PDB file of N, CA and C in Angstrom:
ATOM      1  N   MET A   1       0.844  -0.996  -0.093  1.00  0.00           N
ATOM      2  CA  MET A   1       0.083   0.071  -0.021  1.00  0.00           C
ATOM      3  C   MET A   1       0.899   1.351   0.032  1.00  0.00           C
ATOM      4  N   ALA A   2       1.206   1.815  -0.888  1.00  0.00           N
ATOM      5  CA  ALA A   2       1.789   3.309  -1.435  1.00  0.00           C
ATOM      6  C   ALA A   2       1.471   4.445  -0.543  1.00  0.00           C
ATOM      7  N   PHE A   3      -0.102   4.514  -0.645  1.00  0.00           N
ATOM      8  CA  PHE A   3      -0.832   5.597   0.137  1.00  0.00           C
ATOM      9  C   PHE A   3      -1.870   5.385   1.321  1.00  0.00           C
ATOM     10  N   GLY A   4      -1.134   4.331   2.101  1.00  0.00           N
ATOM     11  CA  GLY A   4      -2.364   3.801   3.042  1.00  0.00           C
ATOM     12  C   GLY A   4      -3.072   5.095   4.101  1.00  0.00           C
ATOM     13  N   ILE A   5      -4.133   4.751   3.721  1.00  0.00           N
ATOM     14  CA  ILE A   5      -5.183   5.783   4.424  1.00  0.00           C
ATOM     15  C   ILE A   5      -4.954   5.748   6.066  1.00  0.00           C
ATOM     16  N   GLY A   6      -4.527   6.350   7.102  1.00  0.00           N
ATOM     17  CA  GLY A   6      -4.737   6.237   8.147  1.00  0.00           C
ATOM     18  C   GLY A   6      -3.521   5.667   8.745  1.00  0.00           C
ATOM     19  N   ALA A   7      -2.363   5.713   7.958  1.00  0.00           N
ATOM     20  CA  ALA A   7      -1.200   4.924   8.362  1.00  0.00           C
ATOM     21  C   ALA A   7      -0.410   5.846   9.123  1.00  0.00           C
ATOM     22  N   HIS A   8      -0.574   7.361   9.201  1.00  0.00           N
ATOM     23  CA  HIS A   8       0.086   8.402  10.041  1.00  0.00           C
ATOM     24  C   HIS A   8      -1.128   9.277  10.847  1.00  0.00           C
ATOM     25  N   SER A   9      -1.745   8.584  11.950  1.00  0.00           N
ATOM     26  CA  SER A   9      -2.961   9.181  12.374  1.00  0.00           C
ATOM     27  C   SER A   9      -2.437  10.008  13.388  1.00  0.00           C
ATOM     28  N   SER A  10      -1.516  10.334  13.511  1.00  0.00           N
ATOM     29  CA  SER A  10      -0.837  11.329  14.459  1.00  0.00           C
ATOM     30  C   SER A  10      -1.480  12.773  14.798  1.00  0.00           C
ATOM     31  N   GLY A  11      -1.824  13.335  13.692  1.00  0.00           N
ATOM     32  CA  GLY A  11      -2.356  14.768  13.278  1.00  0.00           C
ATOM     33  C   GLY A  11      -1.635  15.308  12.429  1.00  0.00           C
ATOM     34  N   ALA A  12      -2.307  16.374  11.799  1.00  0.00           N
ATOM     35  CA  ALA A  12      -1.601  17.435  10.935  1.00  0.00           C
ATOM     36  C   ALA A  12      -0.432  17.984  11.685  1.00  0.00           C
ATOM     37  N   ASP A  13       0.590  18.520  10.764  1.00  0.00           N
ATOM     38  CA  ASP A  13       1.943  18.864  11.507  1.00  0.00           C
ATOM     39  C   ASP A  13       1.615  20.346  10.938  1.00  0.00           C
ATOM     40  N   ALA A  14       2.002  21.054  12.090  1.00  0.00           N
ATOM     41  CA  ALA A  14       2.133  22.578  11.756  1.00  0.00           C
ATOM     42  C   ALA A  14       3.378  23.261  11.270  1.00  0.00           C
ATOM     43  N   GLY A  15       4.087  22.506  10.505  1.00  0.00           N
ATOM     44  CA  GLY A  15       5.461  22.820  10.451  1.00  0.00           C
ATOM     45  C   GLY A  15       6.436  23.219  11.147  1.00  0.00           C
ATOM     46  N   SER A  16       6.914  24.334  10.755  1.00  0.00           N
ATOM     47  CA  SER A  16       8.060  25.101  11.387  1.00  0.00           C
ATOM     48  C   SER A  16       7.450  26.224  12.338  1.00  0.00           C
ATOM     49  N   VAL A  17       8.109  26.754  13.444  1.00  0.00           N
ATOM     50  CA  VAL A  17       7.621  27.951  13.729  1.00  0.00           C
ATOM     51  C   VAL A  17       8.333  29.253  13.199  1.00  0.00           C
ATOM     52  N   ARG A  18       7.427  30.380  12.814  1.00  0.00           N
ATOM     53  CA  ARG A  18       8.004  31.568  12.316  1.00  0.00           C
ATOM     54  C   ARG A  18       7.812  32.438  13.078  1.00  0.00           C
ATOM     55  N   GLY A  19       8.913  33.239  12.926  1.00  0.00           N
ATOM     56  CA  GLY A  19       8.997  34.645  13.844  1.00  0.00           C
ATOM     57  C   GLY A  19      10.129  34.645  14.559  1.00  0.00           C
ATOM     58  N   THR A  20      10.505  35.673  15.771  1.00  0.00           N
ATOM     59  CA  THR A  20      11.359  35.308  16.276  1.00  0.00           C
ATOM     60  C   THR A  20      11.353  34.694  17.658  1.00  0.00           C
ATOM     61  N   GLN A  21      11.806  33.879  17.892  1.00  0.00           N
ATOM     62  CA  GLN A  21      11.663  32.976  19.220  1.00  0.00           C
ATOM     63  C   GLN A  21      12.725  33.288  20.061  1.00  0.00           C
ATOM     64  N   LYS A  22      12.596  33.126  21.472  1.00  0.00           N
ATOM     65  CA  LYS A  22      13.594  33.244  22.668  1.00  0.00           C
ATOM     66  C   LYS A  22      12.945  32.385  23.875  1.00  0.00           C
ATOM     67  N   ARG A  23      13.923  31.865  24.474  1.00  0.00           N
ATOM     68  CA  ARG A  23      13.811  30.921  25.311  1.00  0.00           C
ATOM     69  C   ARG A  23      13.158  31.655  26.597  1.00  0.00           C
ATOM     70  N   ILE A  24      12.066  31.032  27.285  1.00  0.00           N
ATOM     71  CA  ILE A  24      11.793  31.623  28.785  1.00  0.00           C
ATOM     72  C   ILE A  24      11.761  30.771  29.808  1.00  0.00           C
ATOM     73  N   GLY A  25      11.421  31.442  31.047  1.00  0.00           N
ATOM     74  CA  GLY A  25      10.859  30.716  31.954  1.00  0.00           C
ATOM     75  C   GLY A  25       9.606  31.182  32.138  1.00  0.00           C
ATOM     76  N   CYS A  26       8.708  30.034  32.366  1.00  0.00           N
ATOM     77  CA  CYS A  26       7.116  29.961  32.933  1.00  0.00           C
ATOM     78  C   CYS A  26       6.960  29.509  33.877  1.00  0.00           C
ATOM     79  N   GLN A  27       6.026  30.285  34.861  1.00  0.00           N
ATOM     80  CA  GLN A  27       5.390  29.289  36.057  1.00  0.00           C
ATOM     81  C   GLN A  27       3.886  29.324  35.454  1.00  0.00           C
ATOM     82  N   CYS A  28       3.600  28.229  35.663  1.00  0.00           N
ATOM     83  CA  CYS A  28       2.244  27.734  35.410  1.00  0.00           C
ATOM     84  C   CYS A  28       1.408  26.855  36.534  1.00  0.00           C
ATOM     85  N   TRP A  29       0.178  27.173  36.160  1.00  0.00           N
ATOM     86  CA  TRP A  29      -0.832  26.348  36.895  1.00  0.00           C
ATOM     87  C   TRP A  29      -1.418  25.313  36.010  1.00  0.00           C
ATOM     88  N   PHE A  30      -1.469  24.167  36.554  1.00  0.00           N
ATOM     89  CA  PHE A  30      -1.937  22.664  36.010  1.00  0.00           C
ATOM     90  C   PHE A  30      -3.448  22.616  37.024  1.00  0.00           C
ATOM     91  N   THR A  31      -4.535  22.548  36.039  1.00  0.00           N
ATOM     92  CA  THR A  31      -5.769  22.383  36.486  1.00  0.00           C
ATOM     93  C   THR A  31      -6.040  21.031  36.548  1.00  0.00           C
ATOM     94  N   SER A  32      -6.979  20.882  37.679  1.00  0.00           N
ATOM     95  CA  SER A  32      -7.407  19.335  38.019  1.00  0.00           C
ATOM     96  C   SER A  32      -7.732  18.531  36.685  1.00  0.00           C
ATOM     97  N   THR A  33      -8.240  19.084  35.476  1.00  0.00           N
ATOM     98  CA  THR A  33      -8.394  18.526  34.222  1.00  0.00           C
ATOM     99  C   THR A  33      -7.141  18.521  33.547  1.00  0.00           C
ATOM    100  N   GLY A  34      -5.909  18.861  33.683  1.00  0.00           N
ATOM    101  CA  GLY A  34      -4.642  18.801  33.063  1.00  0.00           C
ATOM    102  C   GLY A  34      -4.423  19.875  32.200  1.00  0.00           C
ATOM    103  N   ARG A  35      -4.999  20.818  32.141  1.00  0.00           N
ATOM    104  CA  ARG A  35      -4.931  22.481  31.468  1.00  0.00           C
ATOM    105  C   ARG A  35      -3.796  22.796  31.997  1.00  0.00           C
ATOM    106  N   ILE A  36      -3.467  23.302  30.966  1.00  0.00           N
ATOM    107  CA  ILE A  36      -1.973  24.283  31.626  1.00  0.00           C
ATOM    108  C   ILE A  36      -2.356  25.928  31.534  1.00  0.00           C
ATOM    109  N   MET A  37      -2.073  26.704  32.302  1.00  0.00           N
ATOM    110  CA  MET A  37      -2.333  27.657  32.238  1.00  0.00           C
ATOM    111  C   MET A  37      -1.134  28.778  32.643  1.00  0.00           C
ATOM    112  N   PRO A  38      -0.598  29.443  31.574  1.00  0.00           N
ATOM    113  CA  PRO A  38       0.835  30.302  32.142  1.00  0.00           C
ATOM    114  C   PRO A  38       0.364  31.425  33.061  1.00  0.00           C
ATOM    115  N   LEU A  39       1.082  31.539  34.128  1.00  0.00           N
ATOM    116  CA  LEU A  39       0.782  32.587  35.053  1.00  0.00           C
ATOM    117  C   LEU A  39       1.792  33.921  35.241  1.00  0.00           C
ATOM    118  N   MET A  40       2.876  33.627  34.965  1.00  0.00           N
ATOM    119  CA  MET A  40       4.093  34.486  34.767  1.00  0.00           C
ATOM    120  C   MET A  40       5.540  33.941  33.754  1.00  0.00           C
ATOM    121  N   LEU A  41       6.210  35.192  33.453  1.00  0.00           N
ATOM    122  CA  LEU A  41       7.202  34.271  32.778  1.00  0.00           C
ATOM    123  C   LEU A  41       8.184  35.656  32.837  1.00  0.00           C
ATOM    124  N   LYS A  42       9.531  34.729  32.686  1.00  0.00           N
ATOM    125  CA  LYS A  42      10.664  35.631  32.763  1.00  0.00           C
ATOM    126  C   LYS A  42      11.325  35.477  31.522  1.00  0.00           C
ATOM    127  N   ILE A  43      11.938  36.570  30.944  1.00  0.00           N
ATOM    128  CA  ILE A  43      12.791  36.803  29.917  1.00  0.00           C
ATOM    129  C   ILE A  43      13.983  37.544  29.669  1.00  0.00           C
ATOM    130  N   GLN A  44      14.919  37.525  29.168  1.00  0.00           N
ATOM    131  CA  GLN A  44      16.226  38.059  29.294  1.00  0.00           C
ATOM    132  C   GLN A  44      16.057  39.120  28.522  1.00  0.00           C
ATOM    133  N   ASP A  45      16.067  40.379  28.581  1.00  0.00           N
ATOM    134  CA  ASP A  45      16.100  41.559  27.212  1.00  0.00           C
ATOM    135  C   ASP A  45      17.639  41.790  26.739  1.00  0.00           C
ATOM    136  N   GLU A  46      17.449  42.934  25.814  1.00  0.00           N
ATOM    137  CA  GLU A  46      18.575  43.059  25.176  1.00  0.00           C
ATOM    138  C   GLU A  46      20.110  43.626  25.822  1.00  0.00           C
ATOM    139  N   ASN A  47      19.548  44.109  27.065  1.00  0.00           N
ATOM    140  CA  ASN A  47      20.788  44.375  27.993  1.00  0.00           C
ATOM    141  C   ASN A  47      21.152  43.205  28.795  1.00  0.00           C
ATOM    142  N   GLY A  48      20.427  42.151  28.923  1.00  0.00           N
ATOM    143  CA  GLY A  48      21.041  41.004  29.545  1.00  0.00           C
ATOM    144  C   GLY A  48      20.150  41.057  31.023  1.00  0.00           C
ATOM    145  N   GLU A  49      19.185  41.698  31.273  1.00  0.00           N
ATOM    146  CA  GLU A  49      18.644  41.540  32.233  1.00  0.00           C
ATOM    147  C   GLU A  49      17.126  41.035  32.330  1.00  0.00           C
ATOM    148  N   ILE A  50      16.822  40.432  33.588  1.00  0.00           N
ATOM    149  CA  ILE A  50      15.924  39.458  33.527  1.00  0.00           C
ATOM    150  C   ILE A  50      14.569  40.289  33.716  1.00  0.00           C
ATOM    151  N   GLN A  51      13.403  40.151  32.630  1.00  0.00           N
ATOM    152  CA  GLN A  51      12.455  40.801  33.094  1.00  0.00           C
ATOM    153  C   GLN A  51      11.218  39.867  33.456  1.00  0.00           C
ATOM    154  N   THR A  52      10.721  40.348  34.620  1.00  0.00           N
ATOM    155  CA  THR A  52       9.517  39.359  34.823  1.00  0.00           C
ATOM    156  C   THR A  52       7.996  39.967  34.266  1.00  0.00           C
ATOM    157  N   ILE A  53       7.098  39.111  33.594  1.00  0.00           N
ATOM    158  CA  ILE A  53       6.046  39.444  33.314  1.00  0.00           C
ATOM    159  C   ILE A  53       4.576  38.711  33.675  1.00  0.00           C
ATOM    160  N   ARG A  54       4.059  39.614  34.683  1.00  0.00           N
ATOM    161  CA  ARG A  54       3.037  38.938  35.452  1.00  0.00           C
ATOM    162  C   ARG A  54       1.728  38.950  34.787  1.00  0.00           C
ATOM    163  N   GLU A  55       1.441  40.037  33.740  1.00  0.00           N
ATOM    164  CA  GLU A  55       0.102  40.699  33.122  1.00  0.00           C
ATOM    165  C   GLU A  55       0.107  39.835  31.622  1.00  0.00           C
ATOM    166  N   ILE A  56      -0.700  38.568  31.805  1.00  0.00           N
ATOM    167  CA  ILE A  56      -0.764  37.794  30.669  1.00  0.00           C
ATOM    168  C   ILE A  56      -2.349  37.434  30.431  1.00  0.00           C
ATOM    169  N   THR A  57      -2.313  37.780  29.164  1.00  0.00           N
ATOM    170  CA  THR A  57      -4.159  37.355  28.765  1.00  0.00           C
ATOM    171  C   THR A  57      -3.821  36.329  27.708  1.00  0.00           C
ATOM    172  N   VAL A  58      -4.420  35.278  28.023  1.00  0.00           N
ATOM    173  CA  VAL A  58      -4.556  33.974  26.959  1.00  0.00           C
ATOM    174  C   VAL A  58      -5.780  34.239  26.502  1.00  0.00           C
ATOM    175  N   HIS A  59      -5.651  34.158  24.787  1.00  0.00           N
ATOM    176  CA  HIS A  59      -6.550  34.384  24.433  1.00  0.00           C
ATOM    177  C   HIS A  59      -7.249  33.190  23.676  1.00  0.00           C
ATOM    178  N   SER A  60      -6.248  32.100  23.466  1.00  0.00           N
ATOM    179  CA  SER A  60      -6.634  30.376  22.920  1.00  0.00           C
ATOM    180  C   SER A  60      -5.463  29.756  23.254  1.00  0.00           C
ATOM    181  N   GLN A  61      -5.833  28.594  23.036  1.00  0.00           N
ATOM    182  CA  GLN A  61      -4.698  27.741  22.976  1.00  0.00           C
ATOM    183  C   GLN A  61      -4.777  26.471  22.028  1.00  0.00           C
ATOM    184  N   GLU A  62      -3.919  25.688  21.743  1.00  0.00           N
ATOM    185  CA  GLU A  62      -4.131  25.345  20.603  1.00  0.00           C
ATOM    186  C   GLU A  62      -2.770  23.760  20.559  1.00  0.00           C
ATOM    187  N   LYS A  63      -3.259  22.336  20.703  1.00  0.00           N
ATOM    188  CA  LYS A  63      -2.344  21.231  20.527  1.00  0.00           C
ATOM    189  C   LYS A  63      -1.617  21.490  19.186  1.00  0.00           C
ATOM    190  N   LYS A  64      -0.253  21.564  18.857  1.00  0.00           N
ATOM    191  CA  LYS A  64       0.106  21.567  17.532  1.00  0.00           C
ATOM    192  C   LYS A  64       1.275  20.651  17.434  1.00  0.00           C
ATOM    193  N   ARG A  65       1.787  20.524  16.088  1.00  0.00           N
ATOM    194  CA  ARG A  65       3.115  19.527  16.090  1.00  0.00           C
ATOM    195  C   ARG A  65       3.760  20.107  15.232  1.00  0.00           C
ATOM    196  N   TYR A  66       5.263  20.648  15.840  1.00  0.00           N
ATOM    197  CA  TYR A  66       6.053  21.517  14.751  1.00  0.00           C
ATOM    198  C   TYR A  66       6.804  20.496  14.263  1.00  0.00           C
ATOM    199  N   ALA A  67       7.338  20.265  12.848  1.00  0.00           N
ATOM    200  CA  ALA A  67       8.512  19.628  12.620  1.00  0.00           C
ATOM    201  C   ALA A  67       8.075  17.792  13.291  1.00  0.00           C
ATOM    202  N   GLY A  68       6.681  17.486  13.568  1.00  0.00           N
ATOM    203  CA  GLY A  68       6.833  16.278  14.429  1.00  0.00           C
ATOM    204  C   GLY A  68       6.754  16.356  16.015  1.00  0.00           C
ATOM    205  N   VAL A  69       7.137  17.407  16.519  1.00  0.00           N
ATOM    206  CA  VAL A  69       7.280  17.693  17.653  1.00  0.00           C
ATOM    207  C   VAL A  69       6.271  18.363  18.535  1.00  0.00           C
ATOM    208  N   PRO A  70       5.209  17.557  19.634  1.00  0.00           N
ATOM    209  CA  PRO A  70       4.072  17.899  20.038  1.00  0.00           C
ATOM    210  C   PRO A  70       4.461  19.246  20.939  1.00  0.00           C
ATOM    211  N   ALA A  71       3.425  20.249  20.863  1.00  0.00           N
ATOM    212  CA  ALA A  71       3.698  21.269  21.195  1.00  0.00           C
ATOM    213  C   ALA A  71       2.160  21.871  21.908  1.00  0.00           C
ATOM    214  N   MET A  72       2.113  22.558  22.814  1.00  0.00           N
ATOM    215  CA  MET A  72       0.767  23.476  23.232  1.00  0.00           C
ATOM    216  C   MET A  72       0.975  24.987  22.846  1.00  0.00           C
ATOM    217  N   GLU A  73       0.158  25.512  21.946  1.00  0.00           N
ATOM    218  CA  GLU A  73       0.695  27.023  21.480  1.00  0.00           C
ATOM    219  C   GLU A  73      -0.367  27.973  21.914  1.00  0.00           C
ATOM    220  N   TYR A  74       0.005  28.914  22.834  1.00  0.00           N
ATOM    221  CA  TYR A  74      -1.189  29.949  23.416  1.00  0.00           C
ATOM    222  C   TYR A  74      -0.773  31.348  22.825  1.00  0.00           C
ATOM    223  N   ASP A  75      -1.913  31.768  22.328  1.00  0.00           N
ATOM    224  CA  ASP A  75      -2.057  33.202  21.752  1.00  0.00           C
ATOM    225  C   ASP A  75      -2.177  33.954  23.031  1.00  0.00           C
ATOM    226  N   CYS A  76      -1.607  34.949  22.977  1.00  0.00           N
ATOM    227  CA  CYS A  76      -1.679  35.788  24.276  1.00  0.00           C
ATOM    228  C   CYS A  76      -1.450  37.058  24.165  1.00  0.00           C
ATOM    229  N   THR A  77      -1.607  38.245  24.946  1.00  0.00           N
ATOM    230  CA  THR A  77      -1.342  39.541  25.119  1.00  0.00           C
ATOM    231  C   THR A  77      -0.493  39.865  26.503  1.00  0.00           C
ATOM    232  N   LEU A  78       0.451  40.209  26.371  1.00  0.00           N
ATOM    233  CA  LEU A  78       1.499  40.560  27.563  1.00  0.00           C
ATOM    234  C   LEU A  78       1.508  41.725  27.699  1.00  0.00           C
ATOM    235  N   ILE A  79       1.549  42.507  29.017  1.00  0.00           N
ATOM    236  CA  ILE A  79       1.785  43.864  29.375  1.00  0.00           C
ATOM    237  C   ILE A  79       3.222  44.122  29.495  1.00  0.00           C
ATOM    238  N   LEU A  80       4.191  44.530  29.064  1.00  0.00           N
ATOM    239  CA  LEU A  80       5.561  44.995  29.332  1.00  0.00           C
ATOM    240  C   LEU A  80       5.960  46.436  29.171  1.00  0.00           C
ATOM    241  N   HIS A  81       6.374  47.109  30.145  1.00  0.00           N
ATOM    242  CA  HIS A  81       6.768  48.265  30.314  1.00  0.00           C
ATOM    243  C   HIS A  81       5.565  49.243  29.770  1.00  0.00           C
ATOM    244  N   GLY A  82       4.392  48.924  30.387  1.00  0.00           N
ATOM    245  CA  GLY A  82       2.836  49.684  29.920  1.00  0.00           C
ATOM    246  C   GLY A  82       2.566  49.808  28.597  1.00  0.00           C
ATOM    247  N   GLN A  83       3.279  48.565  27.890  1.00  0.00           N
ATOM    248  CA  GLN A  83       2.755  48.423  26.281  1.00  0.00           C
ATOM    249  C   GLN A  83       2.090  46.870  26.307  1.00  0.00           C
ATOM    250  N   SER A  84       1.186  46.882  25.381  1.00  0.00           N
ATOM    251  CA  SER A  84       0.535  45.534  24.877  1.00  0.00           C
ATOM    252  C   SER A  84       1.357  45.014  23.924  1.00  0.00           C
ATOM    253  N   ILE A  85       1.799  43.744  24.144  1.00  0.00           N
ATOM    254  CA  ILE A  85       2.345  42.803  23.142  1.00  0.00           C
ATOM    255  C   ILE A  85       1.668  41.664  22.879  1.00  0.00           C
ATOM    256  N   ARG A  86       1.269  41.407  21.311  1.00  0.00           N
ATOM    257  CA  ARG A  86       0.475  40.482  21.195  1.00  0.00           C
ATOM    258  C   ARG A  86       1.714  39.193  20.744  1.00  0.00           C
ATOM    259  N   VAL A  87       1.790  38.103  21.453  1.00  0.00           N
ATOM    260  CA  VAL A  87       2.818  37.140  21.285  1.00  0.00           C
ATOM    261  C   VAL A  87       1.910  35.387  21.139  1.00  0.00           C
ATOM    262  N   TRP A  88       2.940  34.757  20.652  1.00  0.00           N
ATOM    263  CA  TRP A  88       2.757  33.181  21.096  1.00  0.00           C
ATOM    264  C   TRP A  88       3.661  32.741  22.233  1.00  0.00           C
ATOM    265  N   LEU A  89       3.048  32.144  23.181  1.00  0.00           N
ATOM    266  CA  LEU A  89       3.744  31.394  24.198  1.00  0.00           C
ATOM    267  C   LEU A  89       3.785  30.056  23.461  1.00  0.00           C
ATOM    268  N   ILE A  90       4.675  29.189  23.460  1.00  0.00           N
ATOM    269  CA  ILE A  90       4.959  27.549  22.871  1.00  0.00           C
ATOM    270  C   ILE A  90       5.596  26.837  23.738  1.00  0.00           C
ATOM    271  N   TYR A  91       4.835  25.787  24.451  1.00  0.00           N
ATOM    272  CA  TYR A  91       5.155  25.036  25.388  1.00  0.00           C
ATOM    273  C   TYR A  91       5.718  23.489  24.671  1.00  0.00           C
ATOM    274  N   TYR A  92       7.158  23.075  24.457  1.00  0.00           N
ATOM    275  CA  TYR A  92       7.262  21.675  24.202  1.00  0.00           C
ATOM    276  C   TYR A  92       7.303  20.659  25.210  1.00  0.00           C
ATOM    277  N   GLN A  93       6.361  19.860  24.998  1.00  0.00           N
ATOM    278  CA  GLN A  93       6.206  18.854  26.190  1.00  0.00           C
ATOM    279  C   GLN A  93       7.568  18.284  26.301  1.00  0.00           C
ATOM    280  N   ALA A  94       7.922  17.404  25.223  1.00  0.00           N
ATOM    281  CA  ALA A  94       8.993  16.315  25.343  1.00  0.00           C
ATOM    282  C   ALA A  94      10.189  16.992  25.707  1.00  0.00           C
ATOM    283  N   GLU A  95      10.497  18.148  25.723  1.00  0.00           N
ATOM    284  CA  GLU A  95      11.520  18.687  26.047  1.00  0.00           C
ATOM    285  C   GLU A  95      11.097  19.415  27.277  1.00  0.00           C
ATOM    286  N   ASN A  96      10.276  19.486  27.568  1.00  0.00           N
ATOM    287  CA  ASN A  96       9.580  20.452  29.077  1.00  0.00           C
ATOM    288  C   ASN A  96      10.520  21.792  28.729  1.00  0.00           C
ATOM    289  N   ARG A  97      10.070  22.542  27.682  1.00  0.00           N
ATOM    290  CA  ARG A  97      10.687  23.975  27.208  1.00  0.00           C
ATOM    291  C   ARG A  97       9.616  24.895  26.867  1.00  0.00           C
ATOM    292  N   TRP A  98       9.850  26.065  27.385  1.00  0.00           N
ATOM    293  CA  TRP A  98       8.951  27.292  27.160  1.00  0.00           C
ATOM    294  C   TRP A  98       9.555  27.808  26.196  1.00  0.00           C
ATOM    295  N   VAL A  99       8.868  28.698  25.175  1.00  0.00           N
ATOM    296  CA  VAL A  99       9.688  29.738  24.170  1.00  0.00           C
ATOM    297  C   VAL A  99       8.439  30.441  24.146  1.00  0.00           C
ATOM    298  N   ILE A 100       8.962  32.122  23.731  1.00  0.00           N
ATOM    299  CA  ILE A 100       7.960  33.051  23.341  1.00  0.00           C
ATOM    300  C   ILE A 100       8.128  33.256  21.984  1.00  0.00           C
ATOM    301  N   ASN A 101       7.557  33.495  21.217  1.00  0.00           N
ATOM    302  CA  ASN A 101       7.193  33.767  19.483  1.00  0.00           C
ATOM    303  C   ASN A 101       6.787  35.115  19.475  1.00  0.00           C
ATOM    304  N   PHE A 102       7.495  36.194  18.900  1.00  0.00           N
ATOM    305  CA  PHE A 102       6.854  37.570  18.722  1.00  0.00           C
ATOM    306  C   PHE A 102       6.328  37.372  17.276  1.00  0.00           C
ATOM    307  N   ARG A 103       5.228  38.213  17.333  1.00  0.00           N
ATOM    308  CA  ARG A 103       4.577  38.252  15.802  1.00  0.00           C
ATOM    309  C   ARG A 103       5.208  39.214  15.098  1.00  0.00           C
TER     310      ARG A 103
END
């Protein structure tokens, strides 16, 4: 069977992540149903200083696969230095790693 239907039923692949990515630290709350809610994150700025961001509004979350790697993607708005910034927070479950992707 060259084109077997259902041979790869792991779900659609989202390809690769576009935009500028930076590694971050993220404090989360895991609900009783297993949902992950980002509460606070820390990111290193251009000057090497660690910035703490506590104002996070999650608009949506979606399970994705980037190049076959499972991830949870959060569409968020952050408040940093009084400015609203729209970003994606991405959690790679297999690596237990968070990144921020600026739009």
